[in-house]
PDB file of N, CA and C in Angstrom:
ATOM      1  N   MET A   1      93.983  91.955 103.200  1.00  0.00           N
ATOM      2  CA  MET A   1      94.118  92.610 104.481  1.00  0.00           C
ATOM      3  C   MET A   1      94.400  94.087 104.250  1.00  0.00           C
ATOM      4  N   GLN A   2      93.820  94.924 105.056  1.00  0.00           N
ATOM      5  CA  GLN A   2      93.986  96.357 104.899  1.00  0.00           C
ATOM      6  C   GLN A   2      95.344  96.809 105.420  1.00  0.00           C
ATOM      7  N   THR A   3      95.811  97.930 104.894  1.00  0.00           N
ATOM      8  CA  THR A   3      97.111  98.461 105.260  1.00  0.00           C
ATOM      9  C   THR A   3      97.178  98.802 106.745  1.00  0.00           C
ATOM     10  N   GLY A   4      96.129  99.339 107.279  1.00  0.00           N
ATOM     11  CA  GLY A   4      96.098  99.696 108.701  1.00  0.00           C
ATOM     12  C   GLY A   4      96.299  98.498 109.604  1.00  0.00           C
ATOM     13  N   THR A   5      95.614  97.407 109.288  1.00  0.00           N
ATOM     14  CA  THR A   5      95.748  96.188 110.084  1.00  0.00           C
ATOM     15  C   THR A   5      97.177  95.655 110.007  1.00  0.00           C
ATOM     16  N   LEU A   6      97.748  95.679 108.823  1.00  0.00           N
ATOM     17  CA  LEU A   6      99.121  95.209 108.646  1.00  0.00           C
ATOM     18  C   LEU A   6     100.091  96.065 109.461  1.00  0.00           C
ATOM     19  N   MET A   7      99.870  97.367 109.485  1.00  0.00           N
ATOM     20  CA  MET A   7     100.742  98.254 110.253  1.00  0.00           C
ATOM     21  C   MET A   7     100.593  98.007 111.761  1.00  0.00           C
ATOM     22  N   ILE A   8      99.401  97.716 112.211  1.00  0.00           N
ATOM     23  CA  ILE A   8      99.180  97.406 113.627  1.00  0.00           C
ATOM     24  C   ILE A   8      99.903  96.122 114.003  1.00  0.00           C
ATOM     25  N   VAL A   9      99.787  95.098 113.165  1.00  0.00           N
ATOM     26  CA  VAL A   9     100.468  93.829 113.422  1.00  0.00           C
ATOM     27  C   VAL A   9     101.977  94.041 113.446  1.00  0.00           C
ATOM     28  N   ALA A  10     102.524  94.797 112.497  1.00  0.00           N
ATOM     29  CA  ALA A  10     103.962  95.069 112.467  1.00  0.00           C
ATOM     30  C   ALA A  10     104.389  95.824 113.724  1.00  0.00           C
ATOM     31  N   GLY A  11     103.578  96.771 114.176  1.00  0.00           N
ATOM     32  CA  GLY A  11     103.886  97.518 115.397  1.00  0.00           C
ATOM     33  C   GLY A  11     103.901  96.632 116.626  1.00  0.00           C
ATOM     34  N   VAL A  12     102.937  95.727 116.722  1.00  0.00           N
ATOM     35  CA  VAL A  12     102.884  94.815 117.861  1.00  0.00           C
ATOM     36  C   VAL A  12     104.115  93.905 117.860  1.00  0.00           C
ATOM     37  N   ILE A  13     104.502  93.429 116.693  1.00  0.00           N
ATOM     38  CA  ILE A  13     105.703  92.580 116.600  1.00  0.00           C
ATOM     39  C   ILE A  13     106.936  93.352 117.040  1.00  0.00           C
ATOM     40  N   LEU A  14     107.059  94.617 116.616  1.00  0.00           N
ATOM     41  CA  LEU A  14     108.205  95.429 117.028  1.00  0.00           C
ATOM     42  C   LEU A  14     108.194  95.692 118.528  1.00  0.00           C
ATOM     43  N   ILE A  15     107.023  95.889 119.113  1.00  0.00           N
ATOM     44  CA  ILE A  15     106.933  96.091 120.561  1.00  0.00           C
ATOM     45  C   ILE A  15     107.380  94.833 121.295  1.00  0.00           C
ATOM     46  N   ILE A  16     106.948  93.675 120.830  1.00  0.00           N
ATOM     47  CA  ILE A  16     107.347  92.414 121.460  1.00  0.00           C
ATOM     48  C   ILE A  16     108.857  92.236 121.387  1.00  0.00           C
ATOM     49  N   ILE A  17     109.445  92.525 120.239  1.00  0.00           N
ATOM     50  CA  ILE A  17     110.896  92.406 120.098  1.00  0.00           C
ATOM     51  C   ILE A  17     111.602  93.396 121.024  1.00  0.00           C
ATOM     52  N   GLY A  18     111.093  94.617 121.108  1.00  0.00           N
ATOM     53  CA  GLY A  18     111.687  95.620 121.987  1.00  0.00           C
ATOM     54  C   GLY A  18     111.629  95.220 123.455  1.00  0.00           C
ATOM     55  N   VAL A  19     110.503  94.691 123.892  1.00  0.00           N
ATOM     56  CA  VAL A  19     110.374  94.233 125.276  1.00  0.00           C
ATOM     57  C   VAL A  19     111.327  93.067 125.528  1.00  0.00           C
ATOM     58  N   TRP A  20     111.429  92.153 124.590  1.00  0.00           N
ATOM     59  CA  TRP A  20     112.340  91.014 124.714  1.00  0.00           C
ATOM     60  C   TRP A  20     113.778  91.494 124.893  1.00  0.00           C
ATOM     61  N   ILE A  21     114.215  92.404 124.034  1.00  0.00           N
ATOM     62  CA  ILE A  21     115.589  92.901 124.100  1.00  0.00           C
ATOM     63  C   ILE A  21     115.829  93.668 125.401  1.00  0.00           C
ATOM     64  N   THR A  22     114.838  94.402 125.870  1.00  0.00           N
ATOM     65  CA  THR A  22     114.993  95.191 127.091  1.00  0.00           C
ATOM     66  C   THR A  22     115.100  94.315 128.329  1.00  0.00           C
ATOM     67  N   PHE A  23     114.251  93.319 128.450  1.00  0.00           N
ATOM     68  CA  PHE A  23     114.202  92.541 129.681  1.00  0.00           C
ATOM     69  C   PHE A  23     114.966  91.220 129.634  1.00  0.00           C
ATOM     70  N   VAL A  24     115.072  90.593 128.491  1.00  0.00           N
ATOM     71  CA  VAL A  24     115.753  89.302 128.399  1.00  0.00           C
ATOM     72  C   VAL A  24     117.181  89.476 127.906  1.00  0.00           C
ATOM     73  N   GLY A  25     117.397  90.397 127.006  1.00  0.00           N
ATOM     74  CA  GLY A  25     118.724  90.623 126.445  1.00  0.00           C
ATOM     75  C   GLY A  25     118.646  90.533 124.935  1.00  0.00           C
ATOM     76  N   PRO A  26     119.718  90.943 124.289  1.00  0.00           N
ATOM     77  CA  PRO A  26     119.702  90.912 122.826  1.00  0.00           C
ATOM     78  C   PRO A  26     119.593  89.485 122.292  1.00  0.00           C
ATOM     79  N   LEU A  27     119.157  89.394 121.076  1.00  0.00           N
ATOM     80  CA  LEU A  27     119.056  88.088 120.429  1.00  0.00           C
ATOM     81  C   LEU A  27     120.462  87.681 120.008  1.00  0.00           C
ATOM     82  N   SER A  28     121.262  87.258 120.985  1.00  0.00           N
ATOM     83  CA  SER A  28     122.687  87.063 120.772  1.00  0.00           C
ATOM     84  C   SER A  28     123.010  85.940 119.783  1.00  0.00           C
ATOM     85  N   ALA A  29     122.123  84.983 119.614  1.00  0.00           N
ATOM     86  CA  ALA A  29     122.405  83.890 118.685  1.00  0.00           C
ATOM     87  C   ALA A  29     122.307  84.356 117.238  1.00  0.00           C
ATOM     88  N   LEU A  30     121.467  85.361 116.984  1.00  0.00           N
ATOM     89  CA  LEU A  30     121.355  85.858 115.622  1.00  0.00           C
ATOM     90  C   LEU A  30     122.642  86.562 115.230  1.00  0.00           C
ATOM     91  N   GLY A  31     123.139  86.225 114.077  1.00  0.00           N
ATOM     92  CA  GLY A  31     124.384  86.818 113.610  1.00  0.00           C
ATOM     93  C   GLY A  31     125.589  85.966 113.915  1.00  0.00           C
ATOM     94  N   ARG A  32     125.406  84.935 114.707  1.00  0.00           N
ATOM     95  CA  ARG A  32     126.503  84.039 115.037  1.00  0.00           C
ATOM     96  C   ARG A  32     126.102  82.574 114.837  1.00  0.00           C
ATOM     97  N   LEU A  33     125.262  82.347 113.881  1.00  0.00           N
ATOM     98  CA  LEU A  33     124.803  80.986 113.619  1.00  0.00           C
ATOM     99  C   LEU A  33     125.821  80.239 112.771  1.00  0.00           C
ATOM    100  N   PRO A  34     125.827  78.915 112.880  1.00  0.00           N
ATOM    101  CA  PRO A  34     126.702  78.141 111.994  1.00  0.00           C
ATOM    102  C   PRO A  34     126.295  78.394 110.541  1.00  0.00           C
ATOM    103  N   GLY A  35     127.250  78.661 109.703  1.00  0.00           N
ATOM    104  CA  GLY A  35     126.968  78.943 108.304  1.00  0.00           C
ATOM    105  C   GLY A  35     127.130  80.410 107.965  1.00  0.00           C
ATOM    106  N   ASP A  36     127.181  81.281 108.974  1.00  0.00           N
ATOM    107  CA  ASP A  36     127.466  82.689 108.730  1.00  0.00           C
ATOM    108  C   ASP A  36     128.942  82.815 108.354  1.00  0.00           C
ATOM    109  N   VAL A  37     129.227  83.575 107.330  1.00  0.00           N
ATOM    110  CA  VAL A  37     130.581  83.689 106.800  1.00  0.00           C
ATOM    111  C   VAL A  37     131.312  84.832 107.507  1.00  0.00           C
ATOM    112  N   VAL A  38     132.462  84.517 108.104  1.00  0.00           N
ATOM    113  CA  VAL A  38     133.309  85.522 108.745  1.00  0.00           C
ATOM    114  C   VAL A  38     134.727  85.312 108.242  1.00  0.00           C
ATOM    115  N   LEU A  39     135.274  86.321 107.599  1.00  0.00           N
ATOM    116  CA  LEU A  39     136.653  86.277 107.122  1.00  0.00           C
ATOM    117  C   LEU A  39     137.429  87.422 107.754  1.00  0.00           C
ATOM    118  N   LYS A  40     138.539  87.106 108.414  1.00  0.00           N
ATOM    119  CA  LYS A  40     139.372  88.132 109.042  1.00  0.00           C
ATOM    120  C   LYS A  40     140.810  87.957 108.568  1.00  0.00           C
ATOM    121  N   ARG A  41     141.364  89.041 108.061  1.00  0.00           N
ATOM    122  CA  ARG A  41     142.758  89.051 107.626  1.00  0.00           C
ATOM    123  C   ARG A  41     143.347  90.410 107.928  1.00  0.00           C
ATOM    124  N   ASP A  42     144.512  90.426 108.469  1.00  0.00           N
ATOM    125  CA  ASP A  42     145.251  91.649 108.779  1.00  0.00           C
ATOM    126  C   ASP A  42     144.324  92.784 109.212  1.00  0.00           C
ATOM    127  N   ASN A  43     144.104  93.767 108.342  1.00  0.00           N
ATOM    128  CA  ASN A  43     143.289  94.929 108.694  1.00  0.00           C
ATOM    129  C   ASN A  43     141.893  94.884 108.092  1.00  0.00           C
ATOM    130  N   ILE A  44     141.519  93.757 107.537  1.00  0.00           N
ATOM    131  CA  ILE A  44     140.236  93.653 106.850  1.00  0.00           C
ATOM    132  C   ILE A  44     139.406  92.537 107.481  1.00  0.00           C
ATOM    133  N   SER A  45     138.143  92.820 107.697  1.00  0.00           N
ATOM    134  CA  SER A  45     137.228  91.771 108.137  1.00  0.00           C
ATOM    135  C   SER A  45     135.963  91.844 107.282  1.00  0.00           C
ATOM    136  N   PHE A  46     135.457  90.668 106.921  1.00  0.00           N
ATOM    137  CA  PHE A  46     134.258  90.571 106.095  1.00  0.00           C
ATOM    138  C   PHE A  46     133.293  89.649 106.808  1.00  0.00           C
ATOM    139  N   TYR A  47     132.053  90.099 106.925  1.00  0.00           N
ATOM    140  CA  TYR A  47     131.040  89.323 107.619  1.00  0.00           C
ATOM    141  C   TYR A  47     129.782  89.284 106.783  1.00  0.00           C
ATOM    142  N   PHE A  48     129.297  88.070 106.478  1.00  0.00           N
ATOM    143  CA  PHE A  48     128.056  87.913 105.733  1.00  0.00           C
ATOM    144  C   PHE A  48     127.190  86.876 106.445  1.00  0.00           C
ATOM    145  N   PRO A  49     126.116  87.303 107.108  1.00  0.00           N
ATOM    146  CA  PRO A  49     125.278  86.394 107.892  1.00  0.00           C
ATOM    147  C   PRO A  49     124.252  85.647 107.035  1.00  0.00           C
ATOM    148  N   ILE A  50     124.719  84.756 106.182  1.00  0.00           N
ATOM    149  CA  ILE A  50     123.824  84.058 105.247  1.00  0.00           C
ATOM    150  C   ILE A  50     122.787  83.191 105.973  1.00  0.00           C
ATOM    151  N   THR A  51     123.207  82.459 106.988  1.00  0.00           N
ATOM    152  CA  THR A  51     122.270  81.602 107.716  1.00  0.00           C
ATOM    153  C   THR A  51     121.246  82.435 108.471  1.00  0.00           C
ATOM    154  N   THR A  52     121.693  83.523 109.065  1.00  0.00           N
ATOM    155  CA  THR A  52     120.774  84.412 109.774  1.00  0.00           C
ATOM    156  C   THR A  52     119.754  85.005 108.810  1.00  0.00           C
ATOM    157  N   CYS A  53     120.201  85.402 107.625  1.00  0.00           N
ATOM    158  CA  CYS A  53     119.288  85.960 106.622  1.00  0.00           C
ATOM    159  C   CYS A  53     118.242  84.923 106.197  1.00  0.00           C
ATOM    160  N   LEU A  54     118.685  83.699 105.983  1.00  0.00           N
ATOM    161  CA  LEU A  54     117.748  82.643 105.582  1.00  0.00           C
ATOM    162  C   LEU A  54     116.731  82.352 106.686  1.00  0.00           C
ATOM    163  N   LEU A  55     117.194  82.316 107.924  1.00  0.00           N
ATOM    164  CA  LEU A  55     116.290  82.050 109.047  1.00  0.00           C
ATOM    165  C   LEU A  55     115.267  83.168 109.213  1.00  0.00           C
ATOM    166  N   LEU A  56     115.714  84.408 109.155  1.00  0.00           N
ATOM    167  CA  LEU A  56     114.779  85.534 109.274  1.00  0.00           C
ATOM    168  C   LEU A  56     113.804  85.581 108.105  1.00  0.00           C
ATOM    169  N   SER A  57     114.274  85.237 106.913  1.00  0.00           N
ATOM    170  CA  SER A  57     113.392  85.193 105.750  1.00  0.00           C
ATOM    171  C   SER A  57     112.306  84.138 105.929  1.00  0.00           C
ATOM    172  N   LEU A  58     112.682  82.998 106.450  1.00  0.00           N
ATOM    173  CA  LEU A  58     111.708  81.933 106.701  1.00  0.00           C
ATOM    174  C   LEU A  58     110.669  82.373 107.726  1.00  0.00           C
ATOM    175  N   VAL A  59     111.113  83.007 108.796  1.00  0.00           N
ATOM    176  CA  VAL A  59     110.188  83.462 109.840  1.00  0.00           C
ATOM    177  C   VAL A  59     109.228  84.511 109.287  1.00  0.00           C
ATOM    178  N   VAL A  60     109.755  85.479 108.545  1.00  0.00           N
ATOM    179  CA  VAL A  60     108.907  86.530 107.975  1.00  0.00           C
ATOM    180  C   VAL A  60     107.913  85.934 106.982  1.00  0.00           C
ATOM    181  N   THR A  61     108.357  84.986 106.169  1.00  0.00           N
ATOM    182  CA  THR A  61     107.467  84.331 105.201  1.00  0.00           C
ATOM    183  C   THR A  61     106.341  83.592 105.912  1.00  0.00           C
ATOM    184  N   LEU A  62     106.664  82.865 106.967  1.00  0.00           N
ATOM    185  CA  LEU A  62     105.631  82.133 107.708  1.00  0.00           C
ATOM    186  C   LEU A  62     104.636  83.088 108.367  1.00  0.00           C
ATOM    187  N   VAL A  63     105.135  84.170 108.947  1.00  0.00           N
ATOM    188  CA  VAL A  63     104.241  85.139 109.587  1.00  0.00           C
ATOM    189  C   VAL A  63     103.334  85.798 108.554  1.00  0.00           C
ATOM    190  N   MET A  64     103.894  86.217 107.426  1.00  0.00           N
ATOM    191  CA  MET A  64     103.085  86.866 106.397  1.00  0.00           C
ATOM    192  C   MET A  64     102.069  85.897 105.792  1.00  0.00           C
ATOM    193  N   THR A  65     102.446  84.629 105.633  1.00  0.00           N
ATOM    194  CA  THR A  65     101.508  83.627 105.131  1.00  0.00           C
ATOM    195  C   THR A  65     100.367  83.445 106.119  1.00  0.00           C
ATOM    196  N   TRP A  66     100.695  83.410 107.399  1.00  0.00           N
ATOM    197  CA  TRP A  66      99.674  83.250 108.429  1.00  0.00           C
ATOM    198  C   TRP A  66      98.739  84.453 108.475  1.00  0.00           C
ATOM    199  N   ILE A  67      99.301  85.668 108.314  1.00  0.00           N
ATOM    200  CA  ILE A  67      98.482  86.884 108.355  1.00  0.00           C
ATOM    201  C   ILE A  67      97.561  86.965 107.140  1.00  0.00           C
ATOM    202  N   ARG A  68      98.055  86.600 105.976  1.00  0.00           N
ATOM    203  CA  ARG A  68      97.287  86.770 104.743  1.00  0.00           C
ATOM    204  C   ARG A  68      96.324  85.610 104.468  1.00  0.00           C
ATOM    205  N   ARG A  69      96.364  84.578 105.285  1.00  0.00           N
ATOM    206  CA  ARG A  69      95.478  83.422 105.094  1.00  0.00           C
ATOM    207  C   ARG A  69      94.025  83.858 105.243  1.00  0.00           C
ATOM    208  N   PRO A  70      93.165  83.474 104.294  1.00  0.00           N
ATOM    209  CA  PRO A  70      91.761  83.889 104.357  1.00  0.00           C
ATOM    210  C   PRO A  70      90.998  83.179 105.453  1.00  0.00           C
TER     211      PRO A  70
END
């Protein structure tokens, strides 16, 4: 696939996400999924969204596989 086509597809995906966030609201479930690590103590808080990262990685992998399929 050519670079131009890939950039157009990425732009369309970003537009769809932007319209979704503008009219429906933020993707509030992302970042608060079961399995995301949140540690809070006194003046320190640590947040690592491991489940969110895995889910987004899976989605991106599926989309890229679908785009690159001959």
